[in-house]
Protein backbone atom coordinates (compact mmCIF):
# COMPACT_ATOMS: atom_id res chain seq x y z
CA UNK A 1 -14.27 -66.27 -115.15
CA UNK A 2 -12.17 -69.26 -115.99
CA UNK A 3 -9.13 -71.15 -114.85
CA UNK A 4 -6.85 -70.74 -117.84
CA UNK A 5 -4.40 -73.36 -119.09
CA UNK A 6 -1.13 -73.41 -117.26
CA UNK A 7 -2.64 -72.70 -113.80
CA UNK A 8 -1.55 -75.16 -111.12
CA UNK A 9 -4.57 -76.84 -109.61
CA UNK A 10 -5.08 -80.23 -108.04
CA UNK A 11 -7.02 -82.94 -109.86
CA UNK A 12 -10.76 -82.72 -109.35
CA UNK A 13 -14.07 -83.74 -110.76
CA UNK A 14 -15.04 -82.16 -114.03
CA UNK A 15 -18.41 -81.41 -112.50
CA UNK A 16 -16.78 -79.07 -109.94
CA UNK A 17 -16.21 -75.76 -111.64
CA UNK A 18 -15.02 -72.51 -110.18
CA UNK A 19 -16.81 -69.22 -110.83
CA UNK A 20 -14.05 -68.42 -113.31
CA UNK A 21 -14.87 -71.41 -115.46
CA UNK A 22 -18.62 -70.77 -115.36
CA UNK A 23 -18.24 -67.13 -116.34
CA UNK A 24 -16.03 -67.92 -119.30
CA UNK A 25 -18.64 -70.10 -120.97
CA UNK A 26 -20.81 -67.05 -121.58
CA UNK A 27 -18.09 -65.36 -123.47
CA UNK A 28 -17.47 -68.40 -125.60
CA UNK A 29 -21.09 -68.03 -126.75
CA UNK A 30 -20.06 -64.93 -128.72
CA UNK A 31 -17.56 -66.95 -130.71
CA UNK A 32 -19.81 -69.93 -131.31
CA UNK A 33 -23.10 -68.13 -131.89
CA UNK A 34 -22.42 -67.67 -135.59
CA UNK A 35 -21.63 -71.40 -135.84
CA UNK A 36 -24.87 -72.21 -134.06
CA UNK A 37 -26.86 -70.02 -136.45
CA UNK A 38 -25.22 -71.86 -139.36
CA UNK A 39 -26.12 -75.22 -137.91
CA UNK A 40 -29.69 -74.15 -137.43
CA UNK A 41 -29.86 -73.07 -141.04
CA UNK A 42 -28.66 -76.55 -142.01
CA UNK A 43 -31.43 -78.22 -140.10
CA UNK A 44 -29.86 -78.47 -136.61
CA UNK A 45 -32.27 -78.23 -133.73
CA UNK A 46 -32.14 -77.76 -130.01
CA UNK A 47 -34.53 -79.03 -127.40
CA UNK A 48 -37.03 -76.26 -126.47
CA UNK A 49 -37.14 -75.20 -122.88
CA UNK A 50 -40.41 -75.01 -120.96
CA UNK A 51 -42.09 -71.63 -121.52
CA UNK A 52 -41.96 -69.22 -118.54
CA UNK A 53 -42.94 -65.62 -117.99
CA UNK A 54 -41.19 -63.14 -115.81
CA UNK A 55 -42.72 -63.22 -112.34
CA UNK A 56 -43.77 -66.86 -112.70
CA UNK A 57 -43.20 -69.14 -109.72
CA UNK A 58 -41.35 -72.40 -110.18
CA UNK A 59 -40.61 -75.34 -107.92
CA UNK A 60 -37.80 -74.30 -105.66
CA UNK A 61 -35.21 -76.28 -103.72
CA UNK A 62 -37.63 -76.54 -100.80
CA UNK A 63 -41.25 -76.02 -100.12
CA UNK A 64 -40.70 -74.04 -96.97
CA UNK A 65 -43.01 -71.14 -96.31
CA UNK A 66 -41.80 -67.71 -97.38
CA UNK A 67 -40.10 -65.53 -94.79
CA UNK A 68 -38.88 -61.98 -94.88
CA UNK A 69 -35.52 -62.46 -93.20
CA UNK A 70 -32.93 -65.23 -93.50
CA UNK A 71 -33.62 -67.39 -90.48
CA UNK A 72 -31.62 -70.36 -91.63
CA UNK A 73 -31.12 -73.90 -90.35
CA UNK A 74 -27.60 -75.27 -89.90
CA UNK A 75 -26.65 -78.16 -92.21
CA UNK A 76 -24.15 -80.63 -90.66
CA UNK A 77 -23.39 -82.21 -94.04
CA UNK A 78 -22.27 -78.91 -95.52
CA UNK A 79 -20.42 -77.86 -92.39
CA UNK A 80 -18.38 -81.06 -92.61
CA UNK A 81 -17.15 -80.15 -96.09
CA UNK A 82 -15.60 -76.93 -94.90
CA UNK A 83 -13.37 -75.88 -92.06
CA UNK A 84 -13.55 -72.68 -89.99
CA UNK A 85 -10.51 -71.70 -87.86
CA UNK A 86 -10.78 -71.85 -84.13
CA UNK A 87 -11.94 -68.71 -82.35
CA UNK A 88 -8.46 -68.19 -80.93
CA UNK A 89 -6.96 -67.85 -84.43
CA UNK A 90 -9.47 -65.24 -85.72
CA UNK A 91 -8.64 -61.64 -84.72
CA UNK A 92 -11.15 -60.05 -82.41
CA UNK A 93 -11.90 -57.24 -84.86
CA UNK A 94 -13.28 -59.81 -87.36
CA UNK A 95 -15.52 -61.52 -84.74
CA UNK A 96 -16.88 -58.09 -83.81
CA UNK A 97 -18.00 -57.24 -87.35
CA UNK A 98 -21.71 -57.22 -88.08
CA UNK A 99 -23.81 -58.89 -90.74
CA UNK A 100 -23.29 -62.29 -92.36
CA UNK A 101 -21.34 -63.62 -95.33
CA UNK A 102 -23.36 -65.20 -98.13
CA UNK A 103 -21.79 -67.64 -100.57
CA UNK A 104 -22.53 -70.62 -102.85
CA UNK A 105 -20.92 -74.02 -102.35
CA UNK A 106 -20.65 -76.27 -105.43
CA UNK A 107 -19.62 -79.86 -104.83
CA UNK A 108 -20.30 -83.51 -105.56
CA UNK A 109 -20.77 -85.72 -108.55
CA UNK A 110 -23.44 -85.11 -109.77
CA UNK A 111 -22.86 -81.50 -108.78
CA UNK A 112 -25.13 -79.87 -106.24
CA UNK A 113 -25.30 -76.16 -105.35
CA UNK A 114 -25.96 -74.99 -101.82
CA UNK A 115 -26.44 -71.37 -100.77
CA UNK A 116 -24.93 -70.73 -97.32
CA UNK A 117 -24.30 -67.97 -94.88
CA UNK A 118 -21.93 -67.68 -91.91
CA UNK A 119 -20.79 -65.17 -89.28
CA UNK A 120 -17.83 -62.99 -90.37
CA UNK A 121 -15.44 -65.12 -88.35
CA UNK A 122 -16.50 -68.33 -90.20
CA UNK A 123 -18.70 -69.67 -87.38
CA UNK A 124 -22.45 -70.40 -87.37
CA UNK A 125 -22.71 -71.92 -90.87
CA UNK A 126 -26.29 -72.05 -92.13
CA UNK A 127 -27.97 -73.07 -95.38
CA UNK A 128 -30.58 -71.29 -97.48
CA UNK A 129 -32.92 -74.10 -98.50
CA UNK A 130 -31.71 -77.55 -99.56
CA UNK A 131 -28.94 -78.42 -102.04
CA UNK A 132 -30.11 -78.00 -105.62
CA UNK A 133 -29.28 -80.14 -108.66
CA UNK A 134 -29.71 -77.07 -110.89
CA UNK A 135 -27.20 -74.31 -110.66
CA UNK A 136 -27.63 -71.46 -108.20
CA UNK A 137 -24.93 -68.97 -109.20
CA UNK A 138 -24.06 -65.34 -108.54
CA UNK A 139 -26.43 -65.11 -105.58
CA UNK A 140 -27.17 -61.63 -104.24
CA UNK A 141 -29.23 -60.58 -101.20
CA UNK A 142 -32.04 -58.06 -101.35
CA UNK A 143 -33.28 -55.82 -98.50
CA UNK A 144 -36.61 -57.64 -98.52
CA UNK A 145 -34.78 -60.81 -97.47
CA UNK A 146 -35.07 -62.51 -100.88
CA UNK A 147 -32.07 -63.87 -102.77
CA UNK A 148 -31.64 -63.27 -106.48
CA UNK A 149 -29.50 -65.59 -108.66
CA UNK A 150 -28.99 -67.03 -112.12
CA UNK A 151 -29.62 -70.68 -112.91
CA UNK A 152 -29.76 -73.29 -115.64
CA UNK A 153 -33.09 -74.61 -114.36
CA UNK A 154 -34.36 -73.22 -117.66
CA UNK A 155 -32.35 -73.10 -120.86
CA UNK A 156 -30.69 -70.81 -121.59
CA UNK A 157 -29.86 -69.55 -118.10
CA UNK A 158 -32.20 -66.98 -116.58
CA UNK A 159 -32.46 -64.84 -113.45
CA UNK A 160 -34.65 -65.93 -110.49
CA UNK A 161 -35.34 -64.92 -106.94
CA UNK A 162 -36.21 -67.08 -103.93
CA UNK A 163 -37.21 -66.46 -100.34
CA UNK A 164 -34.92 -66.81 -97.34
CA UNK A 165 -35.94 -70.46 -96.88
CA UNK A 166 -35.04 -71.33 -100.49
CA UNK A 167 -38.66 -71.57 -101.69
CA UNK A 168 -41.07 -69.36 -103.68
CA UNK A 169 -38.77 -69.26 -106.70
CA UNK A 170 -39.80 -66.60 -109.20
CA UNK A 171 -38.45 -65.97 -112.72
CA UNK A 172 -37.25 -62.40 -113.32
CA UNK A 173 -36.09 -62.89 -116.93
CA UNK A 174 -37.11 -64.92 -119.95
CA UNK A 175 -35.50 -66.11 -123.22
CA UNK A 176 -34.71 -66.46 -125.99
CA UNK A 177 -31.45 -64.91 -124.76
CA UNK A 178 -29.71 -66.03 -121.61
CA UNK A 179 -29.40 -63.69 -118.66
CA UNK A 180 -27.18 -63.66 -115.55
CA UNK A 181 -24.95 -61.82 -113.10
CA UNK A 182 -27.87 -60.14 -111.26
CA UNK A 183 -27.54 -57.14 -108.95
CA UNK A 184 -30.20 -55.68 -106.67
CA UNK A 185 -30.53 -51.98 -105.88
CA UNK A 186 -30.20 -51.03 -102.22
CA UNK A 187 -33.90 -50.10 -101.97
CA UNK A 188 -34.79 -53.51 -103.45
CA UNK A 189 -36.89 -52.11 -106.27
CA UNK A 190 -34.72 -52.94 -109.30
CA UNK A 191 -32.60 -55.83 -110.58
CA UNK A 192 -29.83 -55.39 -113.14
CA UNK A 193 -28.47 -58.33 -115.14
CA UNK A 194 -26.56 -59.05 -118.32
CA UNK A 195 -27.90 -60.27 -121.66
CA UNK A 196 -25.22 -62.73 -122.62
CA UNK A 197 -26.25 -64.61 -125.77
CA UNK A 198 -25.38 -61.97 -128.32
CA UNK A 199 -25.16 -60.60 -130.77
CA UNK A 200 -27.06 -58.37 -131.20
CA UNK A 201 -28.10 -57.48 -127.61
CA UNK A 202 -25.10 -57.91 -125.35
CA UNK A 203 -25.49 -55.37 -122.55
CA UNK A 204 -27.01 -54.57 -119.12
CA UNK A 205 -30.78 -54.75 -118.60
CA UNK A 206 -32.96 -53.43 -115.77
CA UNK A 207 -36.23 -54.84 -114.44
CA UNK A 208 -38.48 -54.54 -111.40
CA UNK A 209 -37.47 -56.87 -108.59
CA UNK A 210 -41.02 -58.07 -107.97
CA UNK A 211 -41.19 -59.64 -111.48
CA UNK A 212 -44.05 -57.43 -112.61
CA UNK A 213 -42.15 -55.90 -115.57
CA UNK A 214 -42.92 -57.82 -118.76
CA UNK A 215 -39.90 -56.54 -120.70
CA UNK A 216 -36.61 -55.30 -119.16
CA UNK A 217 -35.19 -51.89 -120.05
CA UNK A 218 -31.83 -51.76 -121.80
CA UNK A 219 -29.28 -49.73 -119.85
CA UNK A 220 -26.13 -50.41 -121.91
CA UNK A 221 -25.30 -52.01 -125.23
CA UNK A 222 -21.87 -53.24 -126.25
CA UNK A 223 -20.27 -50.95 -128.81
CA UNK A 224 -19.39 -54.08 -130.82
CA UNK A 225 -21.48 -57.09 -129.79
CA UNK A 226 -19.56 -59.37 -132.20
CA UNK A 227 -16.40 -58.82 -130.14
CA UNK A 228 -17.57 -58.34 -126.55
CA UNK A 229 -20.16 -57.12 -124.14
CA UNK A 230 -21.18 -55.64 -120.79
CA UNK A 231 -21.60 -57.78 -117.69
CA UNK A 232 -21.29 -57.94 -113.87
CA UNK A 233 -23.47 -54.91 -112.96
CA UNK A 234 -23.39 -53.34 -109.50
CA UNK A 235 -25.66 -50.56 -108.21
CA UNK A 236 -24.26 -47.54 -106.42
CA UNK A 237 -25.65 -47.16 -102.86
CA UNK A 238 -27.95 -44.32 -103.93
CA UNK A 239 -29.21 -46.34 -106.88
CA UNK A 240 -28.33 -43.58 -109.35
CA UNK A 241 -25.44 -45.31 -111.11
CA UNK A 242 -24.37 -48.78 -112.17
CA UNK A 243 -20.80 -50.01 -112.39
CA UNK A 244 -20.07 -52.91 -114.78
CA UNK A 245 -17.36 -54.74 -116.71
CA UNK A 246 -16.99 -54.10 -120.45
CA UNK A 247 -14.89 -56.76 -122.15
CA UNK A 248 -13.50 -57.04 -125.68
CA UNK A 249 -12.19 -60.13 -127.43
CA UNK A 250 -8.88 -59.40 -129.09
CA UNK A 251 -8.71 -62.61 -131.02
CA UNK A 252 -12.00 -64.24 -132.14
CA UNK A 253 -10.30 -67.63 -132.44
CA UNK A 254 -9.07 -67.59 -128.81
CA UNK A 255 -11.70 -67.23 -126.02
CA UNK A 256 -8.85 -66.49 -123.60
CA UNK A 257 -7.72 -63.42 -125.49
CA UNK A 258 -9.82 -60.85 -123.63
CA UNK A 259 -9.27 -57.33 -122.29
CA UNK A 260 -11.68 -55.68 -119.90
CA UNK A 261 -12.34 -52.46 -117.99
CA UNK A 262 -14.68 -51.11 -115.30
CA UNK A 263 -17.23 -48.55 -116.46
CA UNK A 264 -19.97 -46.55 -114.67
CA UNK A 265 -23.17 -45.19 -116.12
CA UNK A 266 -26.20 -43.34 -114.83
CA UNK A 267 -29.39 -45.28 -114.24
CA UNK A 268 -30.83 -43.22 -117.11
CA UNK A 269 -28.09 -44.52 -119.48
CA UNK A 270 -26.24 -41.19 -119.44
CA UNK A 271 -22.74 -40.25 -118.24
CA UNK A 272 -20.89 -43.39 -119.36
CA UNK A 273 -17.31 -43.28 -118.03
CA UNK A 274 -14.41 -45.71 -118.16
CA UNK A 275 -12.60 -46.04 -114.80
CA UNK A 276 -9.77 -48.54 -115.44
CA UNK A 277 -7.48 -49.21 -118.39
CA UNK A 278 -8.38 -52.23 -120.53
CA UNK A 279 -5.02 -53.89 -119.94
CA UNK A 280 -5.91 -54.36 -116.24
CA UNK A 281 -8.55 -56.82 -117.40
CA UNK A 282 -10.68 -55.62 -114.47
CA UNK A 283 -13.98 -57.17 -113.40
CA UNK A 284 -16.37 -57.83 -110.53
CA UNK A 285 -17.00 -54.23 -109.41
CA UNK A 286 -18.54 -53.61 -105.98
CA UNK A 287 -19.37 -50.18 -104.52
CA UNK A 288 -18.35 -49.27 -100.98
CA UNK A 289 -21.32 -48.60 -98.67
CA UNK A 290 -20.68 -44.84 -98.78
CA UNK A 291 -20.30 -44.83 -102.57
CA UNK A 292 -16.82 -43.29 -102.44
CA UNK A 293 -14.91 -46.29 -103.91
CA UNK A 294 -15.41 -49.26 -106.23
CA UNK A 295 -13.70 -52.55 -105.39
CA UNK A 296 -12.70 -54.80 -108.28
CA UNK A 297 -10.52 -57.75 -109.40
CA UNK A 298 -7.72 -57.34 -111.92
CA UNK A 299 -6.88 -60.04 -114.49
CA UNK A 300 -10.23 -61.54 -113.72
CA UNK A 301 -10.34 -63.62 -116.87
CA UNK A 302 -6.69 -64.22 -117.68
CA UNK A 303 -5.27 -65.82 -114.55
CA UNK A 304 -2.42 -68.26 -115.02
CA UNK A 305 0.45 -69.70 -112.98
CA UNK A 306 2.44 -66.57 -113.85
CA UNK A 307 -0.43 -64.11 -113.83
CA UNK A 308 -2.23 -63.88 -110.51
CA UNK A 309 -5.31 -61.80 -109.69
CA UNK A 310 -5.68 -59.14 -107.03
CA UNK A 311 -8.15 -56.74 -105.51
CA UNK A 312 -8.06 -52.97 -106.17
CA UNK A 313 -10.18 -49.93 -105.47
CA UNK A 314 -10.89 -46.87 -107.64
CA UNK A 315 -13.04 -43.80 -107.10
CA UNK A 316 -16.17 -43.39 -109.25
CA UNK A 317 -14.48 -40.62 -111.16
CA UNK A 318 -11.59 -42.87 -112.13
CA UNK A 319 -9.03 -41.38 -109.73
CA UNK A 320 -7.37 -42.93 -106.71
CA UNK A 321 -6.48 -46.31 -108.18
CA UNK A 322 -5.11 -48.39 -105.29
CA UNK A 323 -3.95 -52.05 -105.01
CA UNK A 324 -5.14 -53.89 -101.87
CA UNK A 325 -3.74 -57.41 -102.25
CA UNK A 326 -0.46 -58.57 -103.74
CA UNK A 327 -0.82 -62.22 -104.63
CA UNK A 328 1.79 -63.76 -106.94
CA UNK A 329 2.81 -67.14 -108.28
CA UNK A 330 -0.59 -68.45 -109.29
CA UNK A 331 -2.47 -67.34 -106.12
CA UNK A 332 -5.64 -65.31 -106.52
CA UNK A 333 -7.57 -62.78 -104.44
CA UNK A 334 -10.88 -62.31 -106.21
CA UNK A 335 -14.60 -61.61 -105.82
CA UNK A 336 -14.44 -58.98 -103.07
CA UNK A 337 -17.38 -57.56 -101.11
CA UNK A 338 -17.53 -54.77 -98.52
CA UNK A 339 -18.72 -55.17 -94.95
CA UNK A 340 -21.90 -53.13 -94.21
CA UNK A 341 -19.89 -50.43 -92.43
CA UNK A 342 -17.17 -50.34 -95.07
CA UNK A 343 -14.38 -51.18 -92.64
CA UNK A 344 -13.60 -54.63 -94.01
CA UNK A 345 -13.67 -56.75 -97.19
CA UNK A 346 -14.46 -60.43 -97.69
CA UNK A 347 -13.04 -62.19 -100.71
CA UNK A 348 -12.39 -65.57 -102.28
CA UNK A 349 -8.77 -66.65 -102.09
CA UNK A 350 -7.50 -69.53 -104.20
CA UNK A 351 -3.99 -70.90 -103.70
CA UNK A 352 -2.95 -72.19 -107.13
CA UNK A 353 -0.17 -74.41 -105.79
CA UNK A 354 -2.22 -75.94 -102.95
CA UNK A 355 -5.40 -78.04 -102.88
CA UNK A 356 -7.26 -75.41 -100.85
CA UNK A 357 -9.51 -72.41 -101.42
CA UNK A 358 -10.54 -69.98 -98.72
CA UNK A 359 -12.92 -67.19 -97.83
CA UNK A 360 -10.81 -64.49 -96.28
CA UNK A 361 -11.54 -61.22 -94.48
CA UNK A 362 -9.22 -58.18 -94.42
CA UNK A 363 -9.40 -54.59 -93.39
CA UNK A 364 -10.52 -52.14 -96.06
CA UNK A 365 -6.95 -51.00 -96.61
CA UNK A 366 -5.88 -54.53 -97.52
CA UNK A 367 -4.17 -55.32 -94.19
CA UNK A 368 -4.64 -58.24 -91.79
CA UNK A 369 -6.10 -60.69 -94.29
CA UNK A 370 -7.30 -63.79 -92.42
CA UNK A 371 -8.83 -67.02 -93.68
CA UNK A 372 -12.20 -67.62 -92.00
CA UNK A 373 -13.25 -70.67 -94.01
CA UNK A 374 -11.17 -73.16 -96.00
CA UNK A 375 -11.92 -76.24 -98.04
CA UNK A 376 -10.20 -78.83 -100.22
CA UNK A 377 -10.59 -77.71 -103.83
CA UNK A 378 -11.87 -81.10 -105.01
CA UNK A 379 -14.74 -80.84 -102.50
CA UNK A 380 -16.03 -77.76 -104.26
CA UNK A 381 -14.04 -74.98 -102.67
CA UNK A 382 -14.69 -73.02 -99.49
CA UNK A 383 -17.32 -70.86 -101.17
CA UNK A 384 -17.85 -68.90 -104.33
CA UNK A 385 -18.84 -65.25 -104.85
CA UNK A 386 -18.89 -64.26 -101.13
CA UNK A 387 -21.14 -61.30 -100.37
CA UNK A 388 -21.38 -59.45 -97.08
CA UNK A 389 -25.05 -58.92 -96.16
CA UNK A 390 -26.27 -56.66 -93.34
CA UNK A 391 -28.73 -59.12 -91.80
CA UNK A 392 -27.93 -61.44 -88.94
């Protein structure tokens, strides 16, 4: 997702991009792919990336031995770049919540990416491995303690996994297309991700999480790859369905002219159903732990100073649409994730008129939203794509 023109943000380094900006670049590929093909036909070339096979191991951010649970060391340098509220300002119900919150911090020039976790009240900040000069984006936790993410350490971007210490990095996808937005099934057996350099294959793919599958299986394909695609998959708790965003470009000359909706489909590719209207421009679906609701962000790709973004829920059958946050005036509540017991939601909050971003926690009904970690925007933001994980 991008920060569209007209949004009020403070000056910052061009190297520091929000998740909105990184996500939008994939969609621009649709519009420029035909141009790229034409250049290639005229003799244009691109530098080849190093060959890699799915399941291969690459040099990771650290050389720490593999572990099966995230026992993470605190990093004073990263803690200094963020600010957690004092214990007295965080409601007791947040401090009592279980699990940890996983997020990525992007900062510096040149940019570095650091995967971090913290307690739900913003305390006990820890790092997963060392800061990386290659991107570590859209990080998700698996029940085996490994983290899956997409990265530009190969070109085009591919999906990788790493152990809880940031080492033992394995490739789970290969080119020539780029792949990203990974999701891991609750049992840890399967990874879903998008195929984002289309056309012709611009949909959701499935592969085994251990990297042993040589070719992923296609779950969905865009009905019109020249105009849009499927992305941001999320497994249902029972692993039988996948929710995802389907987006359509309404003006091929304007990458910002996009509509989008949340869909669900069976793991066998059957039972495709649209849950939200396209004009909500919905994205970033996340299932509740009991599978009864899907959390998502509206206007995920068209935020402006006059068009904020908010969090909603909908039932898997498309009923019960409910708004949880009510941000206005260029403020955004995005990238929500459920607590392990379903009683609370963590999300990324960005205040368009102020130089701060925050990770916030609220009750599942949208009440009592509280900032648990804040940061100056120019320092990389408080944290991107927060995810609540059950481990401590």
